[in-house]
């Protein structure tokens, strides 16, 4: 037998909790999780988010219900409370359920679940506020501009007041023109490890083609 180690513990639920406490029928399952801030998903939860879902088995009108847990532990309300918890109850065996959330000023990822009878599926739904979402979009524009060798798209990521190690906005444009003249450039890709916003400056820790780097983005 192989041991499995997970970065985050998964909760185990008794039938008393699932069937009696949550009202899940025998032979049905549940999807549970939290709506979280991607900047700190382990401890920053988003209240006031509405969880929505689609069902492959019932594309028109799925017979599942979304509940939210209040401070006393009751499953009530129309959006997440401060703990960010959501519950989709009485899901059926073998369905594919796509879950996301909505809240003004936020953008959220989707999570896809293959549901099972008498089982609980768990996952976080991560969200970015307007600033973080705009910065991620800007980074993607930079990556697309690099791969398309479009100087205007690439340089849109940089502030006109850009100054780093003596390189200005104009000099970075000249440098990128030289870089783009190379016909054998690799395809650029990036993974954001962390993103924090403070006032008018955001700092990302980014892995570029598996090489770690640090980028300060001013907007």
C-alpha atoms as a PDB file:
ATOM      1  CA  UNK A   1       0.000   0.000   0.000  1.00  0.00           C
ATOM      2  CA  UNK A   2       1.261   3.493  -0.863  1.00  0.00           C
ATOM      3  CA  UNK A   3       0.844   6.387   1.572  1.00  0.00           C
ATOM      4  CA  UNK A   4      -0.686   9.611   0.280  1.00  0.00           C
ATOM      5  CA  UNK A   5       0.269  13.003   1.719  1.00  0.00           C
ATOM      6  CA  UNK A   6      -1.910  16.055   1.108  1.00  0.00           C
ATOM      7  CA  UNK A   7      -1.034  19.723   1.660  1.00  0.00           C
ATOM      8  CA  UNK A   8      -4.453  20.333   3.195  1.00  0.00           C
ATOM      9  CA  UNK A   9      -6.439  17.932   5.356  1.00  0.00           C
ATOM     10  CA  UNK A  10      -9.795  16.641   4.166  1.00  0.00           C
ATOM     11  CA  UNK A  11     -12.681  16.441   6.592  1.00  0.00           C
ATOM     12  CA  UNK A  12     -14.439  13.121   7.111  1.00  0.00           C
ATOM     13  CA  UNK A  13     -18.171  13.167   7.802  1.00  0.00           C
ATOM     14  CA  UNK A  14     -20.370  10.661   9.599  1.00  0.00           C
ATOM     15  CA  UNK A  15     -23.727   9.547   8.258  1.00  0.00           C
ATOM     16  CA  UNK A  16     -25.333  11.321  11.204  1.00  0.00           C
ATOM     17  CA  UNK A  17     -23.859  14.620  10.042  1.00  0.00           C
ATOM     18  CA  UNK A  18     -24.600  14.088   6.354  1.00  0.00           C
ATOM     19  CA  UNK A  19     -28.002  12.433   6.491  1.00  0.00           C
ATOM     20  CA  UNK A  20     -29.450  13.791   9.730  1.00  0.00           C
ATOM     21  CA  UNK A  21     -27.667  17.134  10.007  1.00  0.00           C
ATOM     22  CA  UNK A  22     -27.643  18.174   6.362  1.00  0.00           C
ATOM     23  CA  UNK A  23     -30.739  16.314   5.205  1.00  0.00           C
ATOM     24  CA  UNK A  24     -29.020  14.266   2.479  1.00  0.00           C
ATOM     25  CA  UNK A  25     -31.140  11.299   1.420  1.00  0.00           C
ATOM     26  CA  UNK A  26     -29.775   7.748   1.479  1.00  0.00           C
ATOM     27  CA  UNK A  27     -28.201   6.899  -1.862  1.00  0.00           C
ATOM     28  CA  UNK A  28     -27.432  10.576  -2.582  1.00  0.00           C
ATOM     29  CA  UNK A  29     -24.293  12.629  -2.006  1.00  0.00           C
ATOM     30  CA  UNK A  30     -23.112  16.157  -1.277  1.00  0.00           C
ATOM     31  CA  UNK A  31     -20.587  18.733  -2.440  1.00  0.00           C
ATOM     32  CA  UNK A  32     -19.151  20.959   0.276  1.00  0.00           C
ATOM     33  CA  UNK A  33     -16.441  23.573   0.454  1.00  0.00           C
ATOM     34  CA  UNK A  34     -15.560  27.186   1.012  1.00  0.00           C
ATOM     35  CA  UNK A  35     -15.403  30.304  -1.120  1.00  0.00           C
ATOM     36  CA  UNK A  36     -11.966  31.791  -0.474  1.00  0.00           C
ATOM     37  CA  UNK A  37      -9.708  34.674  -1.432  1.00  0.00           C
ATOM     38  CA  UNK A  38      -6.937  33.382  -3.696  1.00  0.00           C
ATOM     39  CA  UNK A  39      -4.474  35.728  -1.998  1.00  0.00           C
ATOM     40  CA  UNK A  40      -4.743  33.657   1.194  1.00  0.00           C
ATOM     41  CA  UNK A  41      -7.059  30.682   0.659  1.00  0.00           C
ATOM     42  CA  UNK A  42      -6.158  28.990   3.929  1.00  0.00           C
ATOM     43  CA  UNK A  43      -7.584  31.711   6.162  1.00  0.00           C
ATOM     44  CA  UNK A  44      -9.415  34.426   4.176  1.00  0.00           C
ATOM     45  CA  UNK A  45     -12.987  33.371   3.388  1.00  0.00           C
ATOM     46  CA  UNK A  46     -15.479  35.329   1.298  1.00  0.00           C
ATOM     47  CA  UNK A  47     -18.916  36.123   2.658  1.00  0.00           C
ATOM     48  CA  UNK A  48     -21.774  37.346   0.495  1.00  0.00           C
ATOM     49  CA  UNK A  49     -20.936  35.083  -2.459  1.00  0.00           C
ATOM     50  CA  UNK A  50     -23.676  33.184  -4.275  1.00  0.00           C
ATOM     51  CA  UNK A  51     -22.683  29.666  -5.308  1.00  0.00           C
ATOM     52  CA  UNK A  52     -24.084  28.442  -8.621  1.00  0.00           C
ATOM     53  CA  UNK A  53     -23.746  25.153 -10.471  1.00  0.00           C
ATOM     54  CA  UNK A  54     -24.640  23.250 -13.610  1.00  0.00           C
ATOM     55  CA  UNK A  55     -25.387  19.548 -13.921  1.00  0.00           C
ATOM     56  CA  UNK A  56     -24.508  17.332 -16.874  1.00  0.00           C
ATOM     57  CA  UNK A  57     -27.255  14.916 -15.870  1.00  0.00           C
ATOM     58  CA  UNK A  58     -29.913  17.617 -15.508  1.00  0.00           C
ATOM     59  CA  UNK A  59     -28.867  20.491 -17.803  1.00  0.00           C
ATOM     60  CA  UNK A  60     -32.233  22.232 -17.684  1.00  0.00           C
ATOM     61  CA  UNK A  61     -33.262  22.062 -14.026  1.00  0.00           C
ATOM     62  CA  UNK A  62     -31.085  20.064 -11.597  1.00  0.00           C
ATOM     63  CA  UNK A  63     -32.936  18.869  -8.492  1.00  0.00           C
ATOM     64  CA  UNK A  64     -30.110  19.850  -6.130  1.00  0.00           C
ATOM     65  CA  UNK A  65     -30.144  22.615  -3.525  1.00  0.00           C
ATOM     66  CA  UNK A  66     -27.420  25.021  -2.391  1.00  0.00           C
ATOM     67  CA  UNK A  67     -27.197  25.838   1.306  1.00  0.00           C
ATOM     68  CA  UNK A  68     -24.919  28.078   3.365  1.00  0.00           C
ATOM     69  CA  UNK A  69     -23.845  27.609   6.981  1.00  0.00           C
ATOM     70  CA  UNK A  70     -24.579  30.427   9.409  1.00  0.00           C
ATOM     71  CA  UNK A  71     -22.725  31.191  12.644  1.00  0.00           C
ATOM     72  CA  UNK A  72     -24.877  28.758  14.648  1.00  0.00           C
ATOM     73  CA  UNK A  73     -24.284  25.896  12.206  1.00  0.00           C
ATOM     74  CA  UNK A  74     -27.671  26.063  10.527  1.00  0.00           C
ATOM     75  CA  UNK A  75     -27.953  25.663   6.756  1.00  0.00           C
ATOM     76  CA  UNK A  76     -29.793  28.800   5.674  1.00  0.00           C
ATOM     77  CA  UNK A  77     -29.432  31.989   3.656  1.00  0.00           C
ATOM     78  CA  UNK A  78     -28.968  32.961   0.036  1.00  0.00           C
ATOM     79  CA  UNK A  79     -25.202  33.560   0.040  1.00  0.00           C
ATOM     80  CA  UNK A  80     -22.123  32.587   1.992  1.00  0.00           C
ATOM     81  CA  UNK A  81     -21.635  33.807   5.527  1.00  0.00           C
ATOM     82  CA  UNK A  82     -18.266  34.996   6.865  1.00  0.00           C
ATOM     83  CA  UNK A  83     -16.925  31.421   6.970  1.00  0.00           C
ATOM     84  CA  UNK A  84     -17.475  31.087   3.192  1.00  0.00           C
ATOM     85  CA  UNK A  85     -18.989  27.606   3.496  1.00  0.00           C
ATOM     86  CA  UNK A  86     -21.371  26.196   0.888  1.00  0.00           C
ATOM     87  CA  UNK A  87     -23.230  22.887   0.525  1.00  0.00           C
ATOM     88  CA  UNK A  88     -24.835  21.350  -2.573  1.00  0.00           C
ATOM     89  CA  UNK A  89     -27.084  18.581  -1.333  1.00  0.00           C
ATOM     90  CA  UNK A  90     -28.633  15.386  -2.682  1.00  0.00           C
ATOM     91  CA  UNK A  91     -26.410  15.099  -5.745  1.00  0.00           C
ATOM     92  CA  UNK A  92     -26.801  11.858  -7.660  1.00  0.00           C
ATOM     93  CA  UNK A  93     -24.392   9.077  -8.495  1.00  0.00           C
ATOM     94  CA  UNK A  94     -22.317   9.652 -11.627  1.00  0.00           C
ATOM     95  CA  UNK A  95     -23.306  13.257 -12.296  1.00  0.00           C
ATOM     96  CA  UNK A  96     -20.757  15.874 -13.377  1.00  0.00           C
ATOM     97  CA  UNK A  97     -21.422  19.097 -11.498  1.00  0.00           C
ATOM     98  CA  UNK A  98     -19.599  22.326 -12.332  1.00  0.00           C
ATOM     99  CA  UNK A  99     -19.553  24.795  -9.433  1.00  0.00           C
ATOM    100  CA  UNK A 100     -18.569  28.454  -9.240  1.00  0.00           C
ATOM    101  CA  UNK A 101     -19.548  31.581  -7.322  1.00  0.00           C
ATOM    102  CA  UNK A 102     -20.567  35.163  -8.020  1.00  0.00           C
ATOM    103  CA  UNK A 103     -20.098  38.384  -6.070  1.00  0.00           C
ATOM    104  CA  UNK A 104     -19.901  41.970  -7.278  1.00  0.00           C
ATOM    105  CA  UNK A 105     -16.284  43.003  -7.785  1.00  0.00           C
ATOM    106  CA  UNK A 106     -14.962  39.427  -7.767  1.00  0.00           C
ATOM    107  CA  UNK A 107     -14.128  36.752 -10.320  1.00  0.00           C
ATOM    108  CA  UNK A 108     -14.096  33.071  -9.374  1.00  0.00           C
ATOM    109  CA  UNK A 109     -12.700  29.831 -10.698  1.00  0.00           C
ATOM    110  CA  UNK A 110     -14.851  26.820 -11.552  1.00  0.00           C
ATOM    111  CA  UNK A 111     -14.585  23.442  -9.862  1.00  0.00           C
ATOM    112  CA  UNK A 112     -15.786  20.251 -11.543  1.00  0.00           C
ATOM    113  CA  UNK A 113     -17.009  17.300  -9.496  1.00  0.00           C
ATOM    114  CA  UNK A 114     -17.959  13.763 -10.478  1.00  0.00           C
ATOM    115  CA  UNK A 115     -20.463  12.967  -7.758  1.00  0.00           C
ATOM    116  CA  UNK A 116     -21.139   9.674  -5.999  1.00  0.00           C
ATOM    117  CA  UNK A 117     -23.872   8.173  -3.853  1.00  0.00           C
ATOM    118  CA  UNK A 118     -23.328   8.219  -0.082  1.00  0.00           C
ATOM    119  CA  UNK A 119     -20.214  10.342  -0.519  1.00  0.00           C
ATOM    120  CA  UNK A 120     -19.068  13.901   0.125  1.00  0.00           C
ATOM    121  CA  UNK A 121     -16.927  15.788  -2.415  1.00  0.00           C
ATOM    122  CA  UNK A 122     -14.894  18.754  -1.166  1.00  0.00           C
ATOM    123  CA  UNK A 123     -13.131  21.691  -2.814  1.00  0.00           C
ATOM    124  CA  UNK A 124     -12.425  25.380  -2.423  1.00  0.00           C
ATOM    125  CA  UNK A 125     -13.711  27.974  -4.886  1.00  0.00           C
ATOM    126  CA  UNK A 126     -11.030  30.624  -5.243  1.00  0.00           C
ATOM    127  CA  UNK A 127     -11.783  34.241  -6.055  1.00  0.00           C
ATOM    128  CA  UNK A 128      -9.872  37.364  -7.051  1.00  0.00           C
ATOM    129  CA  UNK A 129     -10.963  40.908  -6.262  1.00  0.00           C
ATOM    130  CA  UNK A 130     -11.089  43.482  -9.069  1.00  0.00           C
ATOM    131  CA  UNK A 131      -7.461  44.558  -8.611  1.00  0.00           C
ATOM    132  CA  UNK A 132      -6.066  41.036  -8.537  1.00  0.00           C
ATOM    133  CA  UNK A 133      -8.179  39.960 -11.505  1.00  0.00           C
ATOM    134  CA  UNK A 134      -6.991  42.978 -13.526  1.00  0.00           C
ATOM    135  CA  UNK A 135      -3.368  42.221 -12.701  1.00  0.00           C
ATOM    136  CA  UNK A 136      -3.712  38.574 -13.722  1.00  0.00           C
ATOM    137  CA  UNK A 137      -5.375  39.672 -16.948  1.00  0.00           C
ATOM    138  CA  UNK A 138      -2.517  42.101 -17.555  1.00  0.00           C
ATOM    139  CA  UNK A 139       0.042  39.377 -17.003  1.00  0.00           C
ATOM    140  CA  UNK A 140      -1.744  37.153 -19.499  1.00  0.00           C
ATOM    141  CA  UNK A 141      -1.711  40.016 -22.022  1.00  0.00           C
ATOM    142  CA  UNK A 142       2.038  40.305 -21.515  1.00  0.00           C
ATOM    143  CA  UNK A 143       2.483  36.559 -22.087  1.00  0.00           C
ATOM    144  CA  UNK A 144       0.272  36.626 -25.186  1.00  0.00           C
ATOM    145  CA  UNK A 145       2.136  39.669 -26.477  1.00  0.00           C
ATOM    146  CA  UNK A 146       5.475  37.924 -26.016  1.00  0.00           C
ATOM    147  CA  UNK A 147       4.333  34.760 -27.768  1.00  0.00           C
ATOM    148  CA  UNK A 148       2.790  36.812 -30.601  1.00  0.00           C
ATOM    149  CA  UNK A 149       5.863  39.098 -30.695  1.00  0.00           C
ATOM    150  CA  UNK A 150       3.541  42.080 -30.289  1.00  0.00           C
ATOM    151  CA  UNK A 151       5.450  44.942 -28.668  1.00  0.00           C
ATOM    152  CA  UNK A 152       2.280  46.998 -28.020  1.00  0.00           C
ATOM    153  CA  UNK A 153       0.557  44.098 -26.232  1.00  0.00           C
ATOM    154  CA  UNK A 154       3.672  43.201 -24.262  1.00  0.00           C
ATOM    155  CA  UNK A 155       4.497  46.743 -23.163  1.00  0.00           C
ATOM    156  CA  UNK A 156       0.899  47.404 -21.993  1.00  0.00           C
ATOM    157  CA  UNK A 157       1.832  45.500 -18.819  1.00  0.00           C
ATOM    158  CA  UNK A 158       4.367  48.161 -17.846  1.00  0.00           C
ATOM    159  CA  UNK A 159       3.693  51.565 -16.326  1.00  0.00           C
ATOM    160  CA  UNK A 160       4.903  54.577 -18.311  1.00  0.00           C
ATOM    161  CA  UNK A 161       6.767  55.473 -15.090  1.00  0.00           C
ATOM    162  CA  UNK A 162       8.546  52.120 -15.151  1.00  0.00           C
ATOM    163  CA  UNK A 163      12.066  52.250 -13.675  1.00  0.00           C
ATOM    164  CA  UNK A 164      14.010  49.140 -12.743  1.00  0.00           C
ATOM    165  CA  UNK A 165      17.807  48.868 -12.493  1.00  0.00           C
ATOM    166  CA  UNK A 166      18.152  51.999 -14.621  1.00  0.00           C
ATOM    167  CA  UNK A 167      15.838  50.711 -17.370  1.00  0.00           C
ATOM    168  CA  UNK A 168      12.985  53.072 -18.269  1.00  0.00           C
ATOM    169  CA  UNK A 169       9.746  52.558 -20.173  1.00  0.00           C
ATOM    170  CA  UNK A 170      11.428  53.634 -23.414  1.00  0.00           C
ATOM    171  CA  UNK A 171      14.492  51.484 -22.923  1.00  0.00           C
ATOM    172  CA  UNK A 172      12.409  48.412 -22.106  1.00  0.00           C
ATOM    173  CA  UNK A 173      10.598  48.927 -25.430  1.00  0.00           C
ATOM    174  CA  UNK A 174      13.934  49.029 -27.266  1.00  0.00           C
ATOM    175  CA  UNK A 175      15.121  45.960 -25.411  1.00  0.00           C
ATOM    176  CA  UNK A 176      11.951  44.011 -26.265  1.00  0.00           C
ATOM    177  CA  UNK A 177      12.355  44.933 -29.961  1.00  0.00           C
ATOM    178  CA  UNK A 178      15.792  43.343 -29.860  1.00  0.00           C
ATOM    179  CA  UNK A 179      14.459  40.266 -28.064  1.00  0.00           C
ATOM    180  CA  UNK A 180      11.635  39.838 -30.586  1.00  0.00           C
ATOM    181  CA  UNK A 181      14.131  39.869 -33.448  1.00  0.00           C
ATOM    182  CA  UNK A 182      15.241  36.434 -32.243  1.00  0.00           C
ATOM    183  CA  UNK A 183      13.396  33.920 -34.411  1.00  0.00           C
ATOM    184  CA  UNK A 184      13.886  31.023 -31.979  1.00  0.00           C
ATOM    185  CA  UNK A 185      12.237  32.425 -28.868  1.00  0.00           C
ATOM    186  CA  UNK A 186      10.661  29.809 -26.586  1.00  0.00           C
ATOM    187  CA  UNK A 187       6.941  29.893 -25.836  1.00  0.00           C
ATOM    188  CA  UNK A 188       6.535  31.889 -22.640  1.00  0.00           C
ATOM    189  CA  UNK A 189       4.362  30.562 -19.823  1.00  0.00           C
ATOM    190  CA  UNK A 190       3.963  31.505 -16.194  1.00  0.00           C
ATOM    191  CA  UNK A 191       2.428  30.240 -12.968  1.00  0.00           C
ATOM    192  CA  UNK A 192       1.501  32.688 -10.209  1.00  0.00           C
ATOM    193  CA  UNK A 193       2.539  31.344  -6.808  1.00  0.00           C
ATOM    194  CA  UNK A 194       1.241  34.320  -4.832  1.00  0.00           C
ATOM    195  CA  UNK A 195      -0.260  37.753  -5.420  1.00  0.00           C
ATOM    196  CA  UNK A 196      -0.724  40.546  -2.899  1.00  0.00           C
ATOM    197  CA  UNK A 197      -2.075  44.059  -3.426  1.00  0.00           C
ATOM    198  CA  UNK A 198      -1.100  47.024  -1.265  1.00  0.00           C
ATOM    199  CA  UNK A 199      -2.275  50.472  -2.282  1.00  0.00           C
ATOM    200  CA  UNK A 200      -1.103  51.210  -5.819  1.00  0.00           C
ATOM    201  CA  UNK A 201       1.414  48.343  -5.945  1.00  0.00           C
ATOM    202  CA  UNK A 202       0.916  44.619  -6.319  1.00  0.00           C
ATOM    203  CA  UNK A 203       3.625  42.002  -5.913  1.00  0.00           C
ATOM    204  CA  UNK A 204       3.503  38.606  -7.583  1.00  0.00           C
ATOM    205  CA  UNK A 205       5.785  35.648  -7.170  1.00  0.00           C
ATOM    206  CA  UNK A 206       5.849  34.054 -10.607  1.00  0.00           C
ATOM    207  CA  UNK A 207       7.485  31.010 -12.141  1.00  0.00           C
ATOM    208  CA  UNK A 208       8.523  31.756 -15.734  1.00  0.00           C
ATOM    209  CA  UNK A 209       9.105  28.583 -17.750  1.00  0.00           C
ATOM    210  CA  UNK A 210      10.060  26.876 -14.474  1.00  0.00           C
ATOM    211  CA  UNK A 211      12.511  29.635 -13.519  1.00  0.00           C
ATOM    212  CA  UNK A 212      11.397  31.589 -10.403  1.00  0.00           C
ATOM    213  CA  UNK A 213      11.288  35.353 -10.601  1.00  0.00           C
ATOM    214  CA  UNK A 214       9.671  38.341  -8.906  1.00  0.00           C
ATOM    215  CA  UNK A 215       7.665  41.045 -10.636  1.00  0.00           C
ATOM    216  CA  UNK A 216       6.306  44.281  -9.157  1.00  0.00           C
ATOM    217  CA  UNK A 217       3.336  45.580 -11.108  1.00  0.00           C
ATOM    218  CA  UNK A 218       2.306  49.221 -10.612  1.00  0.00           C
ATOM    219  CA  UNK A 219      -1.111  50.373 -11.841  1.00  0.00           C
END
